[in-house]
Amino acid sequence: MEIRGTVIAIGETQQVTEKFKKRDLVIEYAENPTYPEYIKLEFHQDKCEKANELREGDDITVDFNLKGKPYTNREGVTTYYNSLVVWKFNINQTSAGSMKEANLANDSDDLGDSLPF
């Protein structure tokens, strides 16, 4: 599955168990800008470090898997949990971070020999 949105928040890595860690990512999904949705996705295991490449305000496209699990408590009541697990993302060229980097790179008054004529 794929979704495009703006990075709102990037959580810290959480060591859930000795062998499992995760990191939250919240994006604003504005298919209808009047009513934006805030979607929480998760990075798991070694992919947690990839979130360091993101900045709040980045416009990104995220590829993720939809996961679901049942949990039965001591009283025998079953609850179902869903998670959206990121496996790949791309920072789109229109993101605030990329635009800022592009502006900083072209901020020089010295054009030197780079003119096209």
PDB file of N, CA and C in Angstrom:
ATOM      1  N   MET A   1       0.844  -1.168   0.000  1.00  0.00           N
ATOM      2  CA  MET A   1       0.000   0.000   0.000  1.00  0.00           C
ATOM      3  C   MET A   1       0.892   1.235   0.000  1.00  0.00           C
ATOM      4  N   GLU A   2       0.329   2.344  -0.464  1.00  0.00           N
ATOM      5  CA  GLU A   2       1.111   3.574  -0.572  1.00  0.00           C
ATOM      6  C   GLU A   2       0.257   4.758  -0.149  1.00  0.00           C
ATOM      7  N   ILE A   3       0.907   5.741   0.478  1.00  0.00           N
ATOM      8  CA  ILE A   3       0.219   6.959   0.889  1.00  0.00           C
ATOM      9  C   ILE A   3       1.209   8.120   0.786  1.00  0.00           C
ATOM     10  N   ARG A   4       0.672   9.292   0.442  1.00  0.00           N
ATOM     11  CA  ARG A   4       1.510  10.488   0.376  1.00  0.00           C
ATOM     12  C   ARG A   4       0.993  11.489   1.391  1.00  0.00           C
ATOM     13  N   GLY A   5       1.922  12.120   2.111  1.00  0.00           N
ATOM     14  CA  GLY A   5       1.529  13.094   3.116  1.00  0.00           C
ATOM     15  C   GLY A   5       2.712  13.907   3.606  1.00  0.00           C
ATOM     16  N   THR A   6       2.437  14.725   4.605  1.00  0.00           N
ATOM     17  CA  THR A   6       3.435  15.602   5.203  1.00  0.00           C
ATOM     18  C   THR A   6       3.811  15.070   6.581  1.00  0.00           C
ATOM     19  N   VAL A   7       5.109  15.006   6.860  1.00  0.00           N
ATOM     20  CA  VAL A   7       5.569  14.517   8.158  1.00  0.00           C
ATOM     21  C   VAL A   7       5.165  15.515   9.251  1.00  0.00           C
ATOM     22  N   ILE A   8       4.461  15.023  10.243  1.00  0.00           N
ATOM     23  CA  ILE A   8       4.016  15.835  11.380  1.00  0.00           C
ATOM     24  C   ILE A   8       4.884  15.558  12.605  1.00  0.00           C
ATOM     25  N   ALA A   9       5.192  14.272  12.838  1.00  0.00           N
ATOM     26  CA  ALA A   9       5.980  13.909  14.022  1.00  0.00           C
ATOM     27  C   ALA A   9       6.764  12.632  13.759  1.00  0.00           C
ATOM     28  N   ILE A  10       7.949  12.570  14.353  1.00  0.00           N
ATOM     29  CA  ILE A  10       8.802  11.383  14.288  1.00  0.00           C
ATOM     30  C   ILE A  10       9.147  11.022  15.722  1.00  0.00           C
ATOM     31  N   GLY A  11       8.700   9.854  16.148  1.00  0.00           N
ATOM     32  CA  GLY A  11       8.935   9.449  17.534  1.00  0.00           C
ATOM     33  C   GLY A  11      10.332   8.911  17.756  1.00  0.00           C
ATOM     34  N   GLU A  12      10.646   8.700  19.012  1.00  0.00           N
ATOM     35  CA  GLU A  12      11.909   8.074  19.389  1.00  0.00           C
ATOM     36  C   GLU A  12      11.767   6.556  19.245  1.00  0.00           C
ATOM     37  N   THR A  13      12.874   5.875  19.057  1.00  0.00           N
ATOM     38  CA  THR A  13      12.851   4.416  18.979  1.00  0.00           C
ATOM     39  C   THR A  13      12.493   3.851  20.347  1.00  0.00           C
ATOM     40  N   GLN A  14      11.544   2.916  20.359  1.00  0.00           N
ATOM     41  CA  GLN A  14      11.097   2.263  21.595  1.00  0.00           C
ATOM     42  C   GLN A  14      11.526   0.805  21.563  1.00  0.00           C
ATOM     43  N   GLN A  15      12.246   0.375  22.585  1.00  0.00           N
ATOM     44  CA  GLN A  15      12.631  -1.032  22.708  1.00  0.00           C
ATOM     45  C   GLN A  15      11.474  -1.727  23.413  1.00  0.00           C
ATOM     46  N   VAL A  16      10.594  -2.373  22.654  1.00  0.00           N
ATOM     47  CA  VAL A  16       9.377  -2.975  23.199  1.00  0.00           C
ATOM     48  C   VAL A  16       9.697  -4.249  23.976  1.00  0.00           C
ATOM     49  N   THR A  17      10.508  -5.121  23.383  1.00  0.00           N
ATOM     50  CA  THR A  17      11.003  -6.318  24.059  1.00  0.00           C
ATOM     51  C   THR A  17      12.501  -6.410  23.773  1.00  0.00           C
ATOM     52  N   GLU A  18      13.116  -7.416  24.301  1.00  0.00           N
ATOM     53  CA  GLU A  18      14.554  -7.584  24.079  1.00  0.00           C
ATOM     54  C   GLU A  18      14.878  -7.726  22.589  1.00  0.00           C
ATOM     55  N   LYS A  19      13.952  -8.305  21.826  1.00  0.00           N
ATOM     56  CA  LYS A  19      14.213  -8.563  20.408  1.00  0.00           C
ATOM     57  C   LYS A  19      13.408  -7.692  19.455  1.00  0.00           C
ATOM     58  N   PHE A  20      12.581  -6.800  19.968  1.00  0.00           N
ATOM     59  CA  PHE A  20      11.716  -6.010  19.087  1.00  0.00           C
ATOM     60  C   PHE A  20      11.755  -4.526  19.440  1.00  0.00           C
ATOM     61  N   LYS A  21      11.981  -3.687  18.414  1.00  0.00           N
ATOM     62  CA  LYS A  21      11.922  -2.239  18.609  1.00  0.00           C
ATOM     63  C   LYS A  21      11.090  -1.623  17.492  1.00  0.00           C
ATOM     64  N   LYS A  22      10.515  -0.450  17.789  1.00  0.00           N
ATOM     65  CA  LYS A  22       9.703   0.248  16.804  1.00  0.00           C
ATOM     66  C   LYS A  22       9.845   1.747  16.983  1.00  0.00           C
ATOM     67  N   ARG A  23       9.429   2.485  15.943  1.00  0.00           N
ATOM     68  CA  ARG A  23       9.495   3.940  15.971  1.00  0.00           C
ATOM     69  C   ARG A  23       8.287   4.479  15.211  1.00  0.00           C
ATOM     70  N   ASP A  24       7.565   5.417  15.806  1.00  0.00           N
ATOM     71  CA  ASP A  24       6.349   5.958  15.203  1.00  0.00           C
ATOM     72  C   ASP A  24       6.644   7.106  14.256  1.00  0.00           C
ATOM     73  N   LEU A  25       5.825   7.213  13.239  1.00  0.00           N
ATOM     74  CA  LEU A  25       5.846   8.301  12.273  1.00  0.00           C
ATOM     75  C   LEU A  25       4.413   8.737  12.068  1.00  0.00           C
ATOM     76  N   VAL A  26       4.141  10.036  12.199  1.00  0.00           N
ATOM     77  CA  VAL A  26       2.792  10.563  11.958  1.00  0.00           C
ATOM     78  C   VAL A  26       2.855  11.467  10.742  1.00  0.00           C
ATOM     79  N   ILE A  27       1.956  11.202   9.789  1.00  0.00           N
ATOM     80  CA  ILE A  27       1.865  12.052   8.613  1.00  0.00           C
ATOM     81  C   ILE A  27       0.460  12.626   8.498  1.00  0.00           C
ATOM     82  N   GLU A  28       0.392  13.803   7.900  1.00  0.00           N
ATOM     83  CA  GLU A  28      -0.902  14.414   7.598  1.00  0.00           C
ATOM     84  C   GLU A  28      -1.255  14.021   6.170  1.00  0.00           C
ATOM     85  N   TYR A  29      -2.385  13.346   6.022  1.00  0.00           N
ATOM     86  CA  TYR A  29      -2.878  12.895   4.735  1.00  0.00           C
ATOM     87  C   TYR A  29      -4.072  13.773   4.401  1.00  0.00           C
ATOM     88  N   ALA A  30      -3.927  14.570   3.340  1.00  0.00           N
ATOM     89  CA  ALA A  30      -4.952  15.568   3.029  1.00  0.00           C
ATOM     90  C   ALA A  30      -5.573  15.326   1.666  1.00  0.00           C
ATOM     91  N   GLU A  31      -6.200  14.167   1.502  1.00  0.00           N
ATOM     92  CA  GLU A  31      -6.927  13.917   0.262  1.00  0.00           C
ATOM     93  C   GLU A  31      -8.003  14.992   0.085  1.00  0.00           C
ATOM     94  N   ASN A  32      -8.648  15.334   1.197  1.00  0.00           N
ATOM     95  CA  ASN A  32      -9.576  16.459   1.239  1.00  0.00           C
ATOM     96  C   ASN A  32      -8.975  17.470   2.225  1.00  0.00           C
ATOM     97  N   PRO A  33      -8.370  18.562   1.735  1.00  0.00           N
ATOM     98  CA  PRO A  33      -7.671  19.509   2.619  1.00  0.00           C
ATOM     99  C   PRO A  33      -8.540  20.113   3.726  1.00  0.00           C
ATOM    100  N   THR A  34      -9.837  20.103   3.538  1.00  0.00           N
ATOM    101  CA  THR A  34     -10.730  20.625   4.571  1.00  0.00           C
ATOM    102  C   THR A  34     -10.737  19.719   5.807  1.00  0.00           C
ATOM    103  N   TYR A  35     -10.565  18.422   5.583  1.00  0.00           N
ATOM    104  CA  TYR A  35     -10.597  17.444   6.672  1.00  0.00           C
ATOM    105  C   TYR A  35      -9.362  16.534   6.601  1.00  0.00           C
ATOM    106  N   PRO A  36      -8.179  17.070   6.954  1.00  0.00           N
ATOM    107  CA  PRO A  36      -6.977  16.217   6.879  1.00  0.00           C
ATOM    108  C   PRO A  36      -7.042  15.092   7.911  1.00  0.00           C
ATOM    109  N   GLU A  37      -6.397  13.994   7.571  1.00  0.00           N
ATOM    110  CA  GLU A  37      -6.303  12.841   8.461  1.00  0.00           C
ATOM    111  C   GLU A  37      -4.863  12.750   8.968  1.00  0.00           C
ATOM    112  N   TYR A  38      -4.698  12.323  10.199  1.00  0.00           N
ATOM    113  CA  TYR A  38      -3.374  12.136  10.784  1.00  0.00           C
ATOM    114  C   TYR A  38      -3.161  10.637  10.959  1.00  0.00           C
ATOM    115  N   ILE A  39      -2.223  10.109  10.182  1.00  0.00           N
ATOM    116  CA  ILE A  39      -2.005   8.671  10.109  1.00  0.00           C
ATOM    117  C   ILE A  39      -0.707   8.306  10.834  1.00  0.00           C
ATOM    118  N   LYS A  40      -0.813   7.363  11.786  1.00  0.00           N
ATOM    119  CA  LYS A  40       0.374   6.890  12.500  1.00  0.00           C
ATOM    120  C   LYS A  40       0.850   5.608  11.841  1.00  0.00           C
ATOM    121  N   LEU A  41       2.105   5.620  11.427  1.00  0.00           N
ATOM    122  CA  LEU A  41       2.757   4.449  10.865  1.00  0.00           C
ATOM    123  C   LEU A  41       3.903   4.057  11.781  1.00  0.00           C
ATOM    124  N   GLU A  42       4.469   2.870  11.560  1.00  0.00           N
ATOM    125  CA  GLU A  42       5.559   2.405  12.406  1.00  0.00           C
ATOM    126  C   GLU A  42       6.729   1.891  11.575  1.00  0.00           C
ATOM    127  N   PHE A  43       7.939   2.187  12.041  1.00  0.00           N
ATOM    128  CA  PHE A  43       9.136   1.549  11.545  1.00  0.00           C
ATOM    129  C   PHE A  43       9.445   0.421  12.524  1.00  0.00           C
ATOM    130  N   HIS A  44       9.873  -0.738  12.024  1.00  0.00           N
ATOM    131  CA  HIS A  44      10.234  -1.859  12.889  1.00  0.00           C
ATOM    132  C   HIS A  44      11.692  -2.253  12.690  1.00  0.00           C
ATOM    133  N   GLN A  45      12.291  -2.711  13.764  1.00  0.00           N
ATOM    134  CA  GLN A  45      13.633  -3.275  13.792  1.00  0.00           C
ATOM    135  C   GLN A  45      14.679  -2.359  13.152  1.00  0.00           C
ATOM    136  N   ASP A  46      15.444  -2.856  12.196  1.00  0.00           N
ATOM    137  CA  ASP A  46      16.547  -2.087  11.611  1.00  0.00           C
ATOM    138  C   ASP A  46      16.072  -0.892  10.792  1.00  0.00           C
ATOM    139  N   LYS A  47      14.809  -0.847  10.440  1.00  0.00           N
ATOM    140  CA  LYS A  47      14.280   0.286   9.670  1.00  0.00           C
ATOM    141  C   LYS A  47      14.054   1.527  10.549  1.00  0.00           C
ATOM    142  N   CYS A  48      14.120   1.380  11.860  1.00  0.00           N
ATOM    143  CA  CYS A  48      13.942   2.519  12.774  1.00  0.00           C
ATOM    144  C   CYS A  48      14.947   3.630  12.474  1.00  0.00           C
ATOM    145  N   GLU A  49      16.164   3.266  12.136  1.00  0.00           N
ATOM    146  CA  GLU A  49      17.211   4.256  11.865  1.00  0.00           C
ATOM    147  C   GLU A  49      16.939   5.056  10.599  1.00  0.00           C
ATOM    148  N   LYS A  50      16.195   4.488   9.641  1.00  0.00           N
ATOM    149  CA  LYS A  50      15.881   5.198   8.402  1.00  0.00           C
ATOM    150  C   LYS A  50      15.059   6.455   8.672  1.00  0.00           C
ATOM    151  N   ALA A  51      14.330   6.485   9.767  1.00  0.00           N
ATOM    152  CA  ALA A  51      13.516   7.657  10.104  1.00  0.00           C
ATOM    153  C   ALA A  51      14.381   8.882  10.364  1.00  0.00           C
ATOM    154  N   ASN A  52      15.668   8.695  10.642  1.00  0.00           N
ATOM    155  CA  ASN A  52      16.569   9.830  10.862  1.00  0.00           C
ATOM    156  C   ASN A  52      16.714  10.690   9.608  1.00  0.00           C
ATOM    157  N   GLU A  53      16.382  10.149   8.443  1.00  0.00           N
ATOM    158  CA  GLU A  53      16.478  10.899   7.185  1.00  0.00           C
ATOM    159  C   GLU A  53      15.329  11.891   7.017  1.00  0.00           C
ATOM    160  N   LEU A  54      14.301  11.762   7.838  1.00  0.00           N
ATOM    161  CA  LEU A  54      13.097  12.595   7.714  1.00  0.00           C
ATOM    162  C   LEU A  54      13.142  13.810   8.622  1.00  0.00           C
ATOM    163  N   ARG A  55      12.442  14.848   8.212  1.00  0.00           N
ATOM    164  CA  ARG A  55      12.271  16.071   9.003  1.00  0.00           C
ATOM    165  C   ARG A  55      10.800  16.441   9.005  1.00  0.00           C
ATOM    166  N   GLU A  56      10.346  17.053  10.085  1.00  0.00           N
ATOM    167  CA  GLU A  56       8.970  17.546  10.120  1.00  0.00           C
ATOM    168  C   GLU A  56       8.763  18.512   8.964  1.00  0.00           C
ATOM    169  N   GLY A  57       7.639  18.366   8.276  1.00  0.00           N
ATOM    170  CA  GLY A  57       7.335  19.211   7.130  1.00  0.00           C
ATOM    171  C   GLY A  57       7.686  18.584   5.799  1.00  0.00           C
ATOM    172  N   ASP A  58       8.477  17.492   5.807  1.00  0.00           N
ATOM    173  CA  ASP A  58       8.810  16.809   4.559  1.00  0.00           C
ATOM    174  C   ASP A  58       7.552  16.254   3.910  1.00  0.00           C
ATOM    175  N   ASP A  59       7.461  16.390   2.603  1.00  0.00           N
ATOM    176  CA  ASP A  59       6.400  15.778   1.804  1.00  0.00           C
ATOM    177  C   ASP A  59       6.934  14.421   1.367  1.00  0.00           C
ATOM    178  N   ILE A  60       6.295  13.335   1.814  1.00  0.00           N
ATOM    179  CA  ILE A  60       6.826  12.003   1.541  1.00  0.00           C
ATOM    180  C   ILE A  60       5.765  11.073   0.958  1.00  0.00           C
ATOM    181  N   THR A  61       6.252  10.068   0.260  1.00  0.00           N
ATOM    182  CA  THR A  61       5.423   8.954  -0.186  1.00  0.00           C
ATOM    183  C   THR A  61       5.918   7.731   0.564  1.00  0.00           C
ATOM    184  N   VAL A  62       5.001   7.039   1.231  1.00  0.00           N
ATOM    185  CA  VAL A  62       5.348   5.911   2.088  1.00  0.00           C
ATOM    186  C   VAL A  62       4.729   4.633   1.536  1.00  0.00           C
ATOM    187  N   ASP A  63       5.540   3.593   1.424  1.00  0.00           N
ATOM    188  CA  ASP A  63       5.053   2.256   1.110  1.00  0.00           C
ATOM    189  C   ASP A  63       5.004   1.500   2.434  1.00  0.00           C
ATOM    190  N   PHE A  64       3.875   0.855   2.702  1.00  0.00           N
ATOM    191  CA  PHE A  64       3.704   0.190   3.990  1.00  0.00           C
ATOM    192  C   PHE A  64       2.865  -1.068   3.845  1.00  0.00           C
ATOM    193  N   ASN A  65       2.969  -1.925   4.858  1.00  0.00           N
ATOM    194  CA  ASN A  65       2.141  -3.126   4.946  1.00  0.00           C
ATOM    195  C   ASN A  65       1.130  -2.928   6.072  1.00  0.00           C
ATOM    196  N   LEU A  66      -0.074  -3.393   5.857  1.00  0.00           N
ATOM    197  CA  LEU A  66      -1.122  -3.374   6.870  1.00  0.00           C
ATOM    198  C   LEU A  66      -1.049  -4.695   7.623  1.00  0.00           C
ATOM    199  N   LYS A  67      -0.813  -4.622   8.926  1.00  0.00           N
ATOM    200  CA  LYS A  67      -0.700  -5.820   9.761  1.00  0.00           C
ATOM    201  C   LYS A  67      -1.831  -5.813  10.788  1.00  0.00           C
ATOM    202  N   GLY A  68      -2.299  -6.981  11.162  1.00  0.00           N
ATOM    203  CA  GLY A  68      -3.343  -7.097  12.173  1.00  0.00           C
ATOM    204  C   GLY A  68      -3.148  -8.340  13.010  1.00  0.00           C
ATOM    205  N   LYS A  69      -3.413  -8.210  14.326  1.00  0.00           N
ATOM    206  CA  LYS A  69      -3.237  -9.342  15.237  1.00  0.00           C
ATOM    207  C   LYS A  69      -4.343  -9.346  16.292  1.00  0.00           C
ATOM    208  N   PRO A  70      -4.786 -10.528  16.671  1.00  0.00           N
ATOM    209  CA  PRO A  70      -5.723 -10.609  17.798  1.00  0.00           C
ATOM    210  C   PRO A  70      -4.961 -10.748  19.114  1.00  0.00           C
ATOM    211  N   TYR A  71      -5.567 -10.260  20.175  1.00  0.00           N
ATOM    212  CA  TYR A  71      -5.012 -10.437  21.521  1.00  0.00           C
ATOM    213  C   TYR A  71      -6.168 -10.809  22.440  1.00  0.00           C
ATOM    214  N   THR A  72      -6.023 -11.916  23.152  1.00  0.00           N
ATOM    215  CA  THR A  72      -7.048 -12.350  24.095  1.00  0.00           C
ATOM    216  C   THR A  72      -6.516 -12.143  25.502  1.00  0.00           C
ATOM    217  N   ASN A  73      -7.249 -11.342  26.300  1.00  0.00           N
ATOM    218  CA  ASN A  73      -6.804 -11.064  27.663  1.00  0.00           C
ATOM    219  C   ASN A  73      -7.180 -12.196  28.615  1.00  0.00           C
ATOM    220  N   ARG A  74      -6.874 -12.052  29.885  1.00  0.00           N
ATOM    221  CA  ARG A  74      -7.105 -13.097  30.893  1.00  0.00           C
ATOM    222  C   ARG A  74      -8.573 -13.440  31.069  1.00  0.00           C
ATOM    223  N   GLU A  75      -9.427 -12.465  30.789  1.00  0.00           N
ATOM    224  CA  GLU A  75     -10.870 -12.689  30.928  1.00  0.00           C
ATOM    225  C   GLU A  75     -11.463 -13.350  29.685  1.00  0.00           C
ATOM    226  N   GLY A  76     -10.639 -13.584  28.682  1.00  0.00           N
ATOM    227  CA  GLY A  76     -11.112 -14.238  27.468  1.00  0.00           C
ATOM    228  C   GLY A  76     -11.666 -13.285  26.418  1.00  0.00           C
ATOM    229  N   VAL A  77     -11.499 -11.979  26.629  1.00  0.00           N
ATOM    230  CA  VAL A  77     -11.982 -10.991  25.673  1.00  0.00           C
ATOM    231  C   VAL A  77     -10.908 -10.766  24.609  1.00  0.00           C
ATOM    232  N   THR A  78     -11.313 -10.911  23.356  1.00  0.00           N
ATOM    233  CA  THR A  78     -10.368 -10.737  22.257  1.00  0.00           C
ATOM    234  C   THR A  78     -10.492  -9.340  21.679  1.00  0.00           C
ATOM    235  N   THR A  79      -9.333  -8.700  21.521  1.00  0.00           N
ATOM    236  CA  THR A  79      -9.235  -7.378  20.909  1.00  0.00           C
ATOM    237  C   THR A  79      -8.330  -7.522  19.696  1.00  0.00           C
ATOM    238  N   TYR A  80      -8.595  -6.730  18.670  1.00  0.00           N
ATOM    239  CA  TYR A  80      -7.785  -6.785  17.451  1.00  0.00           C
ATOM    240  C   TYR A  80      -7.002  -5.499  17.293  1.00  0.00           C
ATOM    241  N   TYR A  81      -5.721  -5.642  16.939  1.00  0.00           N
ATOM    242  CA  TYR A  81      -4.834  -4.503  16.762  1.00  0.00           C
ATOM    243  C   TYR A  81      -4.359  -4.444  15.319  1.00  0.00           C
ATOM    244  N   ASN A  82      -4.290  -3.246  14.794  1.00  0.00           N
ATOM    245  CA  ASN A  82      -3.768  -3.021  13.449  1.00  0.00           C
ATOM    246  C   ASN A  82      -2.542  -2.137  13.534  1.00  0.00           C
ATOM    247  N   SER A  83      -1.616  -2.330  12.607  1.00  0.00           N
ATOM    248  CA  SER A  83      -0.472  -1.428  12.507  1.00  0.00           C
ATOM    249  C   SER A  83      -0.110  -1.271  11.033  1.00  0.00           C
ATOM    250  N   LEU A  84       0.388  -0.100  10.720  1.00  0.00           N
ATOM    251  CA  LEU A  84       0.844   0.228   9.374  1.00  0.00           C
ATOM    252  C   LEU A  84       2.365   0.264   9.437  1.00  0.00           C
ATOM    253  N   VAL A  85       3.009  -0.716   8.833  1.00  0.00           N
ATOM    254  CA  VAL A  85       4.453  -0.893   8.981  1.00  0.00           C
ATOM    255  C   VAL A  85       5.180  -0.422   7.717  1.00  0.00           C
ATOM    256  N   VAL A  86       5.999   0.615   7.890  1.00  0.00           N
ATOM    257  CA  VAL A  86       6.746   1.205   6.781  1.00  0.00           C
ATOM    258  C   VAL A  86       7.834   0.251   6.314  1.00  0.00           C
ATOM    259  N   TRP A  87       7.932   0.066   5.014  1.00  0.00           N
ATOM    260  CA  TRP A  87       9.055  -0.707   4.467  1.00  0.00           C
ATOM    261  C   TRP A  87       9.882   0.113   3.492  1.00  0.00           C
ATOM    262  N   LYS A  88       9.334   1.262   3.032  1.00  0.00           N
ATOM    263  CA  LYS A  88      10.081   2.144   2.143  1.00  0.00           C
ATOM    264  C   LYS A  88       9.409   3.511   2.142  1.00  0.00           C
ATOM    265  N   PHE A  89      10.215   4.564   1.948  1.00  0.00           N
ATOM    266  CA  PHE A  89       9.644   5.893   1.763  1.00  0.00           C
ATOM    267  C   PHE A  89      10.535   6.696   0.828  1.00  0.00           C
ATOM    268  N   ASN A  90       9.936   7.705   0.203  1.00  0.00           N
ATOM    269  CA  ASN A  90      10.662   8.638  -0.657  1.00  0.00           C
ATOM    270  C   ASN A  90      10.303  10.049  -0.228  1.00  0.00           C
ATOM    271  N   ILE A  91      11.308  10.893  -0.121  1.00  0.00           N
ATOM    272  CA  ILE A  91      11.064  12.306   0.156  1.00  0.00           C
ATOM    273  C   ILE A  91      10.837  12.973  -1.196  1.00  0.00           C
ATOM    274  N   ASN A  92       9.648  13.541  -1.368  1.00  0.00           N
ATOM    275  CA  ASN A  92       9.289  14.158  -2.643  1.00  0.00           C
ATOM    276  C   ASN A  92      10.004  15.486  -2.814  1.00  0.00           C
ATOM    277  N   GLN A  93      10.300  15.853  -4.035  1.00  0.00           N
ATOM    278  CA  GLN A  93      11.055  17.065  -4.341  1.00  0.00           C
ATOM    279  C   GLN A  93      10.359  18.333  -3.884  1.00  0.00           C
ATOM    280  N   THR A  94       9.063  18.285  -3.665  1.00  0.00           N
ATOM    281  CA  THR A  94       8.341  19.478  -3.245  1.00  0.00           C
ATOM    282  C   THR A  94       8.328  19.659  -1.735  1.00  0.00           C
ATOM    283  N   SER A  95       9.047  18.795  -1.003  1.00  0.00           N
ATOM    284  CA  SER A  95       9.032  18.889   0.453  1.00  0.00           C
ATOM    285  C   SER A  95       9.748  20.148   0.926  1.00  0.00           C
ATOM    286  N   ALA A  96       9.371  20.625   2.094  1.00  0.00           N
ATOM    287  CA  ALA A  96       9.971  21.831   2.663  1.00  0.00           C
ATOM    288  C   ALA A  96      11.467  21.635   2.869  1.00  0.00           C
ATOM    289  N   GLY A  97      11.868  20.454   3.330  1.00  0.00           N
ATOM    290  CA  GLY A  97      13.282  20.185   3.563  1.00  0.00           C
ATOM    291  C   GLY A  97      14.080  20.213   2.274  1.00  0.00           C
ATOM    292  N   SER A  98      13.575  19.582   1.220  1.00  0.00           N
ATOM    293  CA  SER A  98      14.292  19.557  -0.056  1.00  0.00           C
ATOM    294  C   SER A  98      14.342  20.941  -0.672  1.00  0.00           C
ATOM    295  N   MET A  99      13.259  21.677  -0.554  1.00  0.00           N
ATOM    296  CA  MET A  99      13.235  23.029  -1.090  1.00  0.00           C
ATOM    297  C   MET A  99      14.265  23.885  -0.354  1.00  0.00           C
ATOM    298  N   LYS A 100      14.348  23.714   0.962  1.00  0.00           N
ATOM    299  CA  LYS A 100      15.301  24.481   1.751  1.00  0.00           C
ATOM    300  C   LYS A 100      16.724  24.153   1.339  1.00  0.00           C
ATOM    301  N   GLU A 101      17.021  22.860   1.169  1.00  0.00           N
ATOM    302  CA  GLU A 101      18.356  22.460   0.743  1.00  0.00           C
ATOM    303  C   GLU A 101      18.678  23.036  -0.623  1.00  0.00           C
ATOM    304  N   ALA A 102      17.719  23.001  -1.528  1.00  0.00           N
ATOM    305  CA  ALA A 102      17.943  23.530  -2.873  1.00  0.00           C
ATOM    306  C   ALA A 102      18.220  25.029  -2.810  1.00  0.00           C
ATOM    307  N   ASN A 103      17.495  25.749  -1.974  1.00  0.00           N
ATOM    308  CA  ASN A 103      17.701  27.188  -1.847  1.00  0.00           C
ATOM    309  C   ASN A 103      19.064  27.502  -1.242  1.00  0.00           C
ATOM    310  N   LEU A 104      19.496  26.725  -0.274  1.00  0.00           N
ATOM    311  CA  LEU A 104      20.804  26.947   0.333  1.00  0.00           C
ATOM    312  C   LEU A 104      21.908  26.680  -0.680  1.00  0.00           C
ATOM    313  N   ALA A 105      21.733  25.688  -1.511  1.00  0.00           N
ATOM    314  CA  ALA A 105      22.743  25.356  -2.510  1.00  0.00           C
ATOM    315  C   ALA A 105      22.868  26.432  -3.575  1.00  0.00           C
ATOM    316  N   ASN A 106      21.798  27.136  -3.876  1.00  0.00           N
ATOM    317  CA  ASN A 106      21.800  28.159  -4.921  1.00  0.00           C
ATOM    318  C   ASN A 106      21.853  29.571  -4.350  1.00  0.00           C
ATOM    319  N   ASP A 107      22.233  29.709  -3.091  1.00  0.00           N
ATOM    320  CA  ASP A 107      22.213  30.999  -2.412  1.00  0.00           C
ATOM    321  C   ASP A 107      23.448  31.838  -2.700  1.00  0.00           C
ATOM    322  N   SER A 108      24.364  31.347  -3.491  1.00  0.00           N
ATOM    323  CA  SER A 108      25.618  32.051  -3.762  1.00  0.00           C
ATOM    324  C   SER A 108      25.427  33.133  -4.825  1.00  0.00           C
ATOM    325  N   ASP A 109      26.065  34.298  -4.607  1.00  0.00           N
ATOM    326  CA  ASP A 109      26.046  35.380  -5.603  1.00  0.00           C
ATOM    327  C   ASP A 109      27.082  35.129  -6.688  1.00  0.00           C
ATOM    328  N   ASP A 110      28.064  34.279  -6.403  1.00  0.00           N
ATOM    329  CA  ASP A 110      29.138  34.002  -7.355  1.00  0.00           C
ATOM    330  C   ASP A 110      28.699  32.901  -8.296  1.00  0.00           C
ATOM    331  N   LEU A 111      28.298  33.248  -9.510  1.00  0.00           N
ATOM    332  CA  LEU A 111      27.841  32.261 -10.479  1.00  0.00           C
ATOM    333  C   LEU A 111      28.992  31.661 -11.266  1.00  0.00           C
ATOM    334  N   GLY A 112      30.137  32.301 -11.241  1.00  0.00           N
ATOM    335  CA  GLY A 112      31.338  31.747 -11.879  1.00  0.00           C
ATOM    336  C   GLY A 112      31.103  31.376 -13.327  1.00  0.00           C
ATOM    337  N   ASP A 113      31.613  30.209 -13.714  1.00  0.00           N
ATOM    338  CA  ASP A 113      31.497  29.741 -15.089  1.00  0.00           C
ATOM    339  C   ASP A 113      30.284  28.847 -15.297  1.00  0.00           C
ATOM    340  N   SER A 114      29.322  28.865 -14.387  1.00  0.00           N
ATOM    341  CA  SER A 114      28.186  27.958 -14.490  1.00  0.00           C
ATOM    342  C   SER A 114      27.048  28.502 -15.351  1.00  0.00           C
ATOM    343  N   LEU A 115      27.229  29.676 -15.966  1.00  0.00           N
ATOM    344  CA  LEU A 115      26.171  30.229 -16.814  1.00  0.00           C
ATOM    345  C   LEU A 115      26.054  29.408 -18.098  1.00  0.00           C
ATOM    346  N   PRO A 116      24.842  29.183 -18.573  1.00  0.00           N
ATOM    347  CA  PRO A 116      24.644  28.324 -19.743  1.00  0.00           C
ATOM    348  C   PRO A 116      24.957  28.996 -21.079  1.00  0.00           C
ATOM    349  N   PHE A 117      25.426  30.250 -21.115  1.00  0.00           N
ATOM    350  CA  PHE A 117      25.717  30.912 -22.385  1.00  0.00           C
ATOM    351  C   PHE A 117      27.066  31.553 -22.418  1.00  0.00           C
TER     352      PHE A 117
END
